[in-house]
Amino acid sequence: MTKINLKTEKRTVIGKKVKKLRREGLLPINLYGKDIKSIALSAKFIDFKKVYQKARTTQVVYLEEDKKEYPALIQNVQIHPLSRIILHADFKKIDLKQKTEVEVPVVTIGELAVVKSGEADLMTLQDAVLVECLPTKIPEKITVDISKLEGIGSEVKVKDLPQSEDYKYLAEAEQIVIQIVEAKKEEIKAPEAAAPEEAPAEGEAAAEAEKTDAAGAEPKAEEPKKEAAKE
């Protein structure tokens, strides 16, 4: 496996002032661990992005800082909710000779006829599983071939996941990771017929007509008053 390195520098800028670092193309980083105090670092944003694409959270990254080298795992990456730009990253220093616990992503391959036809849905209940192993033996991912499943009602539990001497699962053996369930069909409701308008009773109709005529009729012109004949 190719060694993954990331050049870093110590930083004194902290808090809200790190915005200036980002404008300069640098990413704020924190390194912590059992045997060291938290160290504030920074790395070129473009360099970190390349490293993150390769290592994710399962591969060892060697942080280089002033002739020192720290083997570490990426623990947390803060991403802006709107712009999706990486804002900050945390690294956990590890001992290469001691086993560590890490969550490994679960991915599926293959196709299942009932899923492809729309009769069933593939439900991933756990998108990652916790494993224990040496840092250099962490699997990049746990692969599940769904084409081998029988159909609706099939399940993949932790005990069914691929086994290896390099790592062991820490999750419960009976914990369900993947399920094939019957697809929910949406019921199409027929549009409700509009209720017919009730015709007014004869008496009501007549009264309405009178009101309409009274309201709509033009006022009658008053007849001019006849002047009394002058004597």
C-alpha atoms as a PDB file:
ATOM      1  CA  MET A   1       0.000   0.000   0.000  1.00  0.00           C
ATOM      2  CA  THR A   2       1.345   3.421  -0.967  1.00  0.00           C
ATOM      3  CA  LYS A   3       2.333   5.646   1.941  1.00  0.00           C
ATOM      4  CA  ILE A   4       0.165   8.749   2.198  1.00  0.00           C
ATOM      5  CA  ASN A   5       1.929  11.912   3.399  1.00  0.00           C
ATOM      6  CA  LEU A   6       0.645  15.401   4.135  1.00  0.00           C
ATOM      7  CA  LYS A   7       2.920  18.385   4.737  1.00  0.00           C
ATOM      8  CA  THR A   8       1.758  20.651   7.553  1.00  0.00           C
ATOM      9  CA  GLU A   9       2.927  23.665   9.534  1.00  0.00           C
ATOM     10  CA  LYS A  10       2.203  24.759  13.092  1.00  0.00           C
ATOM     11  CA  ARG A  11      -0.255  27.597  13.298  1.00  0.00           C
ATOM     12  CA  THR A  12      -0.854  30.266  15.897  1.00  0.00           C
ATOM     13  CA  VAL A  13      -4.014  31.586  14.282  1.00  0.00           C
ATOM     14  CA  ILE A  14      -7.078  30.176  16.018  1.00  0.00           C
ATOM     15  CA  GLY A  15     -10.780  30.918  16.431  1.00  0.00           C
ATOM     16  CA  LYS A  16     -12.536  33.179  13.954  1.00  0.00           C
ATOM     17  CA  LYS A  17      -9.203  34.429  12.601  1.00  0.00           C
ATOM     18  CA  VAL A  18      -8.734  31.152  10.694  1.00  0.00           C
ATOM     19  CA  LYS A  19     -10.894  32.686   7.941  1.00  0.00           C
ATOM     20  CA  LYS A  20      -7.766  34.516   6.856  1.00  0.00           C
ATOM     21  CA  LEU A  21      -5.946  31.182   6.494  1.00  0.00           C
ATOM     22  CA  ARG A  22      -8.689  29.812   4.280  1.00  0.00           C
ATOM     23  CA  ARG A  23      -8.484  32.886   2.046  1.00  0.00           C
ATOM     24  CA  GLU A  24      -4.786  32.075   1.637  1.00  0.00           C
ATOM     25  CA  GLY A  25      -5.597  28.529   0.519  1.00  0.00           C
ATOM     26  CA  LEU A  26      -4.746  26.871   3.843  1.00  0.00           C
ATOM     27  CA  LEU A  27      -6.882  24.458   5.841  1.00  0.00           C
ATOM     28  CA  PRO A  28      -6.917  24.536   9.678  1.00  0.00           C
ATOM     29  CA  ILE A  29      -6.062  21.107  11.159  1.00  0.00           C
ATOM     30  CA  ASN A  30      -5.964  19.740  14.692  1.00  0.00           C
ATOM     31  CA  LEU A  31      -3.903  16.718  15.719  1.00  0.00           C
ATOM     32  CA  TYR A  32      -4.642  14.970  19.013  1.00  0.00           C
ATOM     33  CA  GLY A  33      -3.895  11.642  20.688  1.00  0.00           C
ATOM     34  CA  LYS A  34      -3.353   9.799  23.948  1.00  0.00           C
ATOM     35  CA  ASP A  35       0.335  10.630  24.257  1.00  0.00           C
ATOM     36  CA  ILE A  36       0.353  14.192  22.882  1.00  0.00           C
ATOM     37  CA  LYS A  37      -1.330  17.497  23.526  1.00  0.00           C
ATOM     38  CA  SER A  38      -3.571  18.875  20.815  1.00  0.00           C
ATOM     39  CA  ILE A  39      -1.472  20.534  18.116  1.00  0.00           C
ATOM     40  CA  ALA A  40      -2.836  23.265  15.858  1.00  0.00           C
ATOM     41  CA  LEU A  41      -1.616  22.783  12.292  1.00  0.00           C
ATOM     42  CA  SER A  42      -2.421  23.932   8.789  1.00  0.00           C
ATOM     43  CA  ALA A  43      -1.983  22.366   5.359  1.00  0.00           C
ATOM     44  CA  LYS A  44      -2.493  23.503   1.799  1.00  0.00           C
ATOM     45  CA  PHE A  45      -6.152  22.975   0.990  1.00  0.00           C
ATOM     46  CA  ILE A  46      -5.380  21.381  -2.371  1.00  0.00           C
ATOM     47  CA  ASP A  47      -2.955  18.907  -0.729  1.00  0.00           C
ATOM     48  CA  PHE A  48      -5.467  17.893   1.937  1.00  0.00           C
ATOM     49  CA  LYS A  49      -8.200  17.366  -0.642  1.00  0.00           C
ATOM     50  CA  LYS A  50      -6.003  14.904  -2.574  1.00  0.00           C
ATOM     51  CA  VAL A  51      -5.090  13.067   0.632  1.00  0.00           C
ATOM     52  CA  TYR A  52      -8.699  12.895   1.794  1.00  0.00           C
ATOM     53  CA  GLN A  53      -9.828  11.388  -1.516  1.00  0.00           C
ATOM     54  CA  LYS A  54      -7.281   8.583  -1.053  1.00  0.00           C
ATOM     55  CA  ALA A  55      -7.355   7.976   2.683  1.00  0.00           C
ATOM     56  CA  ARG A  56     -10.846   8.932   3.801  1.00  0.00           C
ATOM     57  CA  THR A  57     -11.167   7.797   7.436  1.00  0.00           C
ATOM     58  CA  THR A  58      -9.675   4.325   7.084  1.00  0.00           C
ATOM     59  CA  GLN A  59      -6.113   4.788   5.812  1.00  0.00           C
ATOM     60  CA  VAL A  60      -3.096   6.022   7.757  1.00  0.00           C
ATOM     61  CA  VAL A  61      -1.903   9.521   6.870  1.00  0.00           C
ATOM     62  CA  TYR A  62       1.612  10.608   7.890  1.00  0.00           C
ATOM     63  CA  LEU A  63       1.542  14.258   8.924  1.00  0.00           C
ATOM     64  CA  GLU A  64       4.880  15.947   8.332  1.00  0.00           C
ATOM     65  CA  GLU A  65       5.720  18.902  10.555  1.00  0.00           C
ATOM     66  CA  ASP A  66       9.213  20.360  11.041  1.00  0.00           C
ATOM     67  CA  LYS A  67      11.146  17.091  10.478  1.00  0.00           C
ATOM     68  CA  LYS A  68       8.623  15.182  12.600  1.00  0.00           C
ATOM     69  CA  GLU A  69       6.182  12.607  11.306  1.00  0.00           C
ATOM     70  CA  TYR A  70       2.899  11.661  12.958  1.00  0.00           C
ATOM     71  CA  PRO A  71       0.934   8.597  11.784  1.00  0.00           C
ATOM     72  CA  ALA A  72      -2.725   9.525  12.109  1.00  0.00           C
ATOM     73  CA  LEU A  73      -6.275   8.828  10.951  1.00  0.00           C
ATOM     74  CA  ILE A  74      -8.694  11.472   9.732  1.00  0.00           C
ATOM     75  CA  GLN A  75     -11.418  11.597  12.372  1.00  0.00           C
ATOM     76  CA  ASN A  76     -13.664  14.440  11.431  1.00  0.00           C
ATOM     77  CA  VAL A  77     -14.001  16.753   8.444  1.00  0.00           C
ATOM     78  CA  GLN A  78     -16.126  19.882   8.848  1.00  0.00           C
ATOM     79  CA  ILE A  79     -17.911  20.889   5.650  1.00  0.00           C
ATOM     80  CA  HIS A  80     -19.884  24.068   4.996  1.00  0.00           C
ATOM     81  CA  PRO A  81     -23.582  23.091   4.666  1.00  0.00           C
ATOM     82  CA  LEU A  82     -24.223  25.333   1.658  1.00  0.00           C
ATOM     83  CA  SER A  83     -20.990  25.720  -0.282  1.00  0.00           C
ATOM     84  CA  ARG A  84     -19.776  22.168   0.617  1.00  0.00           C
ATOM     85  CA  ILE A  85     -16.270  23.574   1.075  1.00  0.00           C
ATOM     86  CA  ILE A  86     -14.056  21.812   3.631  1.00  0.00           C
ATOM     87  CA  LEU A  87     -13.545  24.131   6.618  1.00  0.00           C
ATOM     88  CA  HIS A  88     -11.554  22.073   9.140  1.00  0.00           C
ATOM     89  CA  ALA A  89     -10.139  18.596   9.775  1.00  0.00           C
ATOM     90  CA  ASP A  90      -9.235  16.594  12.877  1.00  0.00           C
ATOM     91  CA  PHE A  91      -6.546  13.904  12.933  1.00  0.00           C
ATOM     92  CA  LYS A  92      -6.058  11.258  15.625  1.00  0.00           C
ATOM     93  CA  LYS A  93      -2.458  10.197  16.238  1.00  0.00           C
ATOM     94  CA  ILE A  94      -2.115   6.401  16.392  1.00  0.00           C
ATOM     95  CA  ASP A  95       0.443   3.768  17.385  1.00  0.00           C
ATOM     96  CA  LEU A  96       1.135   1.583  14.384  1.00  0.00           C
ATOM     97  CA  LYS A  97       1.877  -1.391  16.669  1.00  0.00           C
ATOM     98  CA  GLN A  98      -1.373  -1.205  18.611  1.00  0.00           C
ATOM     99  CA  LYS A  99      -4.808  -2.218  17.407  1.00  0.00           C
ATOM    100  CA  THR A 100      -7.351   0.524  16.963  1.00  0.00           C
ATOM    101  CA  GLU A 101     -11.109   0.733  16.493  1.00  0.00           C
ATOM    102  CA  VAL A 102     -12.429   2.324  13.336  1.00  0.00           C
ATOM    103  CA  GLU A 103     -15.682   2.463  11.400  1.00  0.00           C
ATOM    104  CA  VAL A 104     -15.385   1.019   7.898  1.00  0.00           C
ATOM    105  CA  PRO A 105     -17.955   1.863   5.193  1.00  0.00           C
ATOM    106  CA  VAL A 106     -20.188  -0.884   3.793  1.00  0.00           C
ATOM    107  CA  VAL A 107     -20.711  -0.866   0.004  1.00  0.00           C
ATOM    108  CA  THR A 108     -22.841  -3.099  -2.197  1.00  0.00           C
ATOM    109  CA  ILE A 109     -22.065  -4.571  -5.612  1.00  0.00           C
ATOM    110  CA  GLY A 110     -24.073  -6.666  -8.056  1.00  0.00           C
ATOM    111  CA  GLU A 111     -27.769  -6.603  -8.900  1.00  0.00           C
ATOM    112  CA  LEU A 112     -30.839  -8.413  -7.655  1.00  0.00           C
ATOM    113  CA  ALA A 113     -33.669  -9.044 -10.116  1.00  0.00           C
ATOM    114  CA  VAL A 114     -36.497  -8.058  -7.739  1.00  0.00           C
ATOM    115  CA  VAL A 115     -34.740  -4.787  -6.915  1.00  0.00           C
ATOM    116  CA  LYS A 116     -34.010  -4.015 -10.557  1.00  0.00           C
ATOM    117  CA  SER A 117     -37.655  -4.653 -11.517  1.00  0.00           C
ATOM    118  CA  GLY A 118     -38.937  -2.402  -8.750  1.00  0.00           C
ATOM    119  CA  GLU A 119     -40.655  -5.205  -6.833  1.00  0.00           C
ATOM    120  CA  ALA A 120     -38.294  -4.748  -3.882  1.00  0.00           C
ATOM    121  CA  ASP A 121     -36.140  -2.090  -2.248  1.00  0.00           C
ATOM    122  CA  LEU A 122     -32.580  -2.436  -1.017  1.00  0.00           C
ATOM    123  CA  MET A 123     -32.293  -1.002   2.494  1.00  0.00           C
ATOM    124  CA  THR A 124     -28.860  -0.340   3.989  1.00  0.00           C
ATOM    125  CA  LEU A 125     -29.482  -0.112   7.723  1.00  0.00           C
ATOM    126  CA  GLN A 126     -25.800   0.302   8.602  1.00  0.00           C
ATOM    127  CA  ASP A 127     -23.605   2.206   6.158  1.00  0.00           C
ATOM    128  CA  ALA A 128     -20.514   1.447   8.265  1.00  0.00           C
ATOM    129  CA  VAL A 129     -19.402  -1.214  10.762  1.00  0.00           C
ATOM    130  CA  LEU A 130     -16.960  -0.970  13.655  1.00  0.00           C
ATOM    131  CA  VAL A 131     -13.839  -3.126  13.336  1.00  0.00           C
ATOM    132  CA  GLU A 132     -10.693  -3.628  15.385  1.00  0.00           C
ATOM    133  CA  CYS A 133      -7.301  -4.125  13.769  1.00  0.00           C
ATOM    134  CA  LEU A 134      -3.803  -2.747  13.367  1.00  0.00           C
ATOM    135  CA  PRO A 135      -3.807   0.677  11.672  1.00  0.00           C
ATOM    136  CA  THR A 136      -1.978  -0.715   8.656  1.00  0.00           C
ATOM    137  CA  LYS A 137      -4.569  -3.488   8.244  1.00  0.00           C
ATOM    138  CA  ILE A 138      -7.716  -1.357   8.174  1.00  0.00           C
ATOM    139  CA  PRO A 139      -9.847  -2.384   5.190  1.00  0.00           C
ATOM    140  CA  GLU A 140     -10.782   0.436   2.850  1.00  0.00           C
ATOM    141  CA  LYS A 141     -14.371  -0.868   2.701  1.00  0.00           C
ATOM    142  CA  ILE A 142     -16.528  -3.917   3.406  1.00  0.00           C
ATOM    143  CA  THR A 143     -18.041  -5.190   0.142  1.00  0.00           C
ATOM    144  CA  VAL A 144     -21.353  -7.071  -0.022  1.00  0.00           C
ATOM    145  CA  ASP A 145     -22.504  -8.785  -3.247  1.00  0.00           C
ATOM    146  CA  ILE A 146     -26.306  -8.519  -3.226  1.00  0.00           C
ATOM    147  CA  SER A 147     -26.671 -10.703  -6.339  1.00  0.00           C
ATOM    148  CA  LYS A 148     -26.167 -13.712  -4.074  1.00  0.00           C
ATOM    149  CA  LEU A 149     -29.232 -12.907  -1.963  1.00  0.00           C
ATOM    150  CA  GLU A 150     -32.418 -14.917  -2.458  1.00  0.00           C
ATOM    151  CA  GLY A 151     -34.923 -12.099  -2.814  1.00  0.00           C
ATOM    152  CA  ILE A 152     -37.551 -10.298  -0.757  1.00  0.00           C
ATOM    153  CA  GLY A 153     -37.007 -10.938   2.959  1.00  0.00           C
ATOM    154  CA  SER A 154     -33.278 -11.591   2.585  1.00  0.00           C
ATOM    155  CA  GLU A 155     -30.946 -10.068   5.171  1.00  0.00           C
ATOM    156  CA  VAL A 156     -27.237  -9.539   5.613  1.00  0.00           C
ATOM    157  CA  LYS A 157     -26.142  -9.527   9.242  1.00  0.00           C
ATOM    158  CA  VAL A 158     -22.748  -8.655  10.697  1.00  0.00           C
ATOM    159  CA  LYS A 159     -21.955 -12.384  10.935  1.00  0.00           C
ATOM    160  CA  ASP A 160     -22.574 -12.677   7.154  1.00  0.00           C
ATOM    161  CA  LEU A 161     -20.044  -9.985   6.215  1.00  0.00           C
ATOM    162  CA  PRO A 162     -16.711 -10.981   4.628  1.00  0.00           C
ATOM    163  CA  GLN A 163     -14.315 -12.333   7.267  1.00  0.00           C
ATOM    164  CA  SER A 164     -10.567 -11.710   7.524  1.00  0.00           C
ATOM    165  CA  GLU A 165      -7.676 -12.506   9.848  1.00  0.00           C
ATOM    166  CA  ASP A 166      -6.607  -8.863   9.590  1.00  0.00           C
ATOM    167  CA  TYR A 167      -9.608  -7.486  11.470  1.00  0.00           C
ATOM    168  CA  LYS A 168     -12.600  -8.458  13.584  1.00  0.00           C
ATOM    169  CA  TYR A 169     -16.052  -6.948  13.841  1.00  0.00           C
ATOM    170  CA  LEU A 170     -17.020  -5.322  17.123  1.00  0.00           C
ATOM    171  CA  ALA A 171     -20.720  -4.981  16.291  1.00  0.00           C
ATOM    172  CA  GLU A 172     -23.237  -7.620  17.416  1.00  0.00           C
ATOM    173  CA  ALA A 173     -23.200 -10.681  15.140  1.00  0.00           C
ATOM    174  CA  GLU A 174     -27.005 -10.581  14.722  1.00  0.00           C
ATOM    175  CA  GLN A 175     -27.108  -6.887  13.857  1.00  0.00           C
ATOM    176  CA  ILE A 176     -28.793  -6.425  10.470  1.00  0.00           C
ATOM    177  CA  VAL A 177     -26.763  -4.445   7.953  1.00  0.00           C
ATOM    178  CA  ILE A 178     -28.761  -4.882   4.725  1.00  0.00           C
ATOM    179  CA  GLN A 179     -32.361  -5.919   4.023  1.00  0.00           C
ATOM    180  CA  ILE A 180     -34.361  -6.645   0.884  1.00  0.00           C
ATOM    181  CA  VAL A 181     -37.935  -5.502   1.499  1.00  0.00           C
ATOM    182  CA  GLU A 182     -41.058  -5.412  -0.623  1.00  0.00           C
ATOM    183  CA  ALA A 183     -41.417  -2.135  -2.457  1.00  0.00           C
ATOM    184  CA  LYS A 184     -44.165   0.128  -1.196  1.00  0.00           C
ATOM    185  CA  LYS A 185     -46.733   0.824  -3.863  1.00  0.00           C
ATOM    186  CA  GLU A 186     -48.381   4.194  -3.783  1.00  0.00           C
ATOM    187  CA  GLU A 187     -52.145   4.023  -3.923  1.00  0.00           C
ATOM    188  CA  ILE A 188     -53.608   6.258  -6.592  1.00  0.00           C
ATOM    189  CA  LYS A 189     -56.849   7.704  -5.310  1.00  0.00           C
ATOM    190  CA  ALA A 190     -59.607   8.517  -7.814  1.00  0.00           C
ATOM    191  CA  PRO A 191     -60.527  12.200  -7.763  1.00  0.00           C
ATOM    192  CA  GLU A 192     -63.652  12.840  -5.758  1.00  0.00           C
ATOM    193  CA  ALA A 193     -66.653  13.917  -7.829  1.00  0.00           C
ATOM    194  CA  ALA A 194     -67.816  17.408  -7.058  1.00  0.00           C
ATOM    195  CA  ALA A 195     -71.172  17.473  -5.288  1.00  0.00           C
ATOM    196  CA  PRO A 196     -73.942  18.867  -7.567  1.00  0.00           C
ATOM    197  CA  GLU A 197     -75.208  22.249  -6.584  1.00  0.00           C
ATOM    198  CA  GLU A 198     -78.711  22.106  -5.132  1.00  0.00           C
ATOM    199  CA  ALA A 199     -81.316  24.052  -7.040  1.00  0.00           C
ATOM    200  CA  PRO A 200     -83.079  26.588  -4.886  1.00  0.00           C
ATOM    201  CA  ALA A 201     -86.727  25.981  -4.043  1.00  0.00           C
ATOM    202  CA  GLU A 202     -89.311  27.784  -6.110  1.00  0.00           C
ATOM    203  CA  GLY A 203     -90.116  30.226  -3.353  1.00  0.00           C
ATOM    204  CA  GLU A 204     -86.448  30.941  -2.753  1.00  0.00           C
ATOM    205  CA  ALA A 205     -85.790  31.352  -6.468  1.00  0.00           C
ATOM    206  CA  ALA A 206     -88.626  33.805  -6.777  1.00  0.00           C
ATOM    207  CA  ALA A 207     -87.407  35.785  -3.777  1.00  0.00           C
ATOM    208  CA  GLU A 208     -83.856  35.812  -5.195  1.00  0.00           C
ATOM    209  CA  ALA A 209     -85.178  36.992  -8.542  1.00  0.00           C
ATOM    210  CA  GLU A 210     -87.060  39.806  -6.901  1.00  0.00           C
ATOM    211  CA  LYS A 211     -83.954  40.839  -4.969  1.00  0.00           C
ATOM    212  CA  THR A 212     -81.871  40.745  -8.152  1.00  0.00           C
ATOM    213  CA  ASP A 213     -84.397  42.743 -10.075  1.00  0.00           C
ATOM    214  CA  ALA A 214     -84.691  45.213  -7.257  1.00  0.00           C
ATOM    215  CA  ALA A 215     -80.948  45.571  -6.953  1.00  0.00           C
ATOM    216  CA  GLY A 216     -80.196  45.521 -10.661  1.00  0.00           C
ATOM    217  CA  ALA A 217     -83.082  47.549 -12.017  1.00  0.00           C
ATOM    218  CA  GLU A 218     -82.345  51.094 -12.935  1.00  0.00           C
ATOM    219  CA  PRO A 219     -84.147  53.626 -10.736  1.00  0.00           C
ATOM    220  CA  LYS A 220     -87.270  55.057 -12.325  1.00  0.00           C
ATOM    221  CA  ALA A 221     -86.994  58.660 -13.350  1.00  0.00           C
ATOM    222  CA  GLU A 222     -89.195  60.877 -11.299  1.00  0.00           C
ATOM    223  CA  GLU A 223     -91.975  62.600 -13.207  1.00  0.00           C
ATOM    224  CA  PRO A 224     -91.556  66.353 -13.230  1.00  0.00           C
ATOM    225  CA  LYS A 225     -93.927  68.081 -10.924  1.00  0.00           C
ATOM    226  CA  LYS A 226     -96.526  70.205 -12.587  1.00  0.00           C
ATOM    227  CA  GLU A 227     -96.293  73.772 -11.607  1.00  0.00           C
ATOM    228  CA  ALA A 228     -99.439  75.287 -10.352  1.00  0.00           C
ATOM    229  CA  ALA A 229    -101.036  77.602 -12.894  1.00  0.00           C
ATOM    230  CA  LYS A 230    -100.330  81.167 -12.166  1.00  0.00           C
ATOM    231  CA  GLU A 231    -103.245  83.215 -11.634  1.00  0.00           C
END
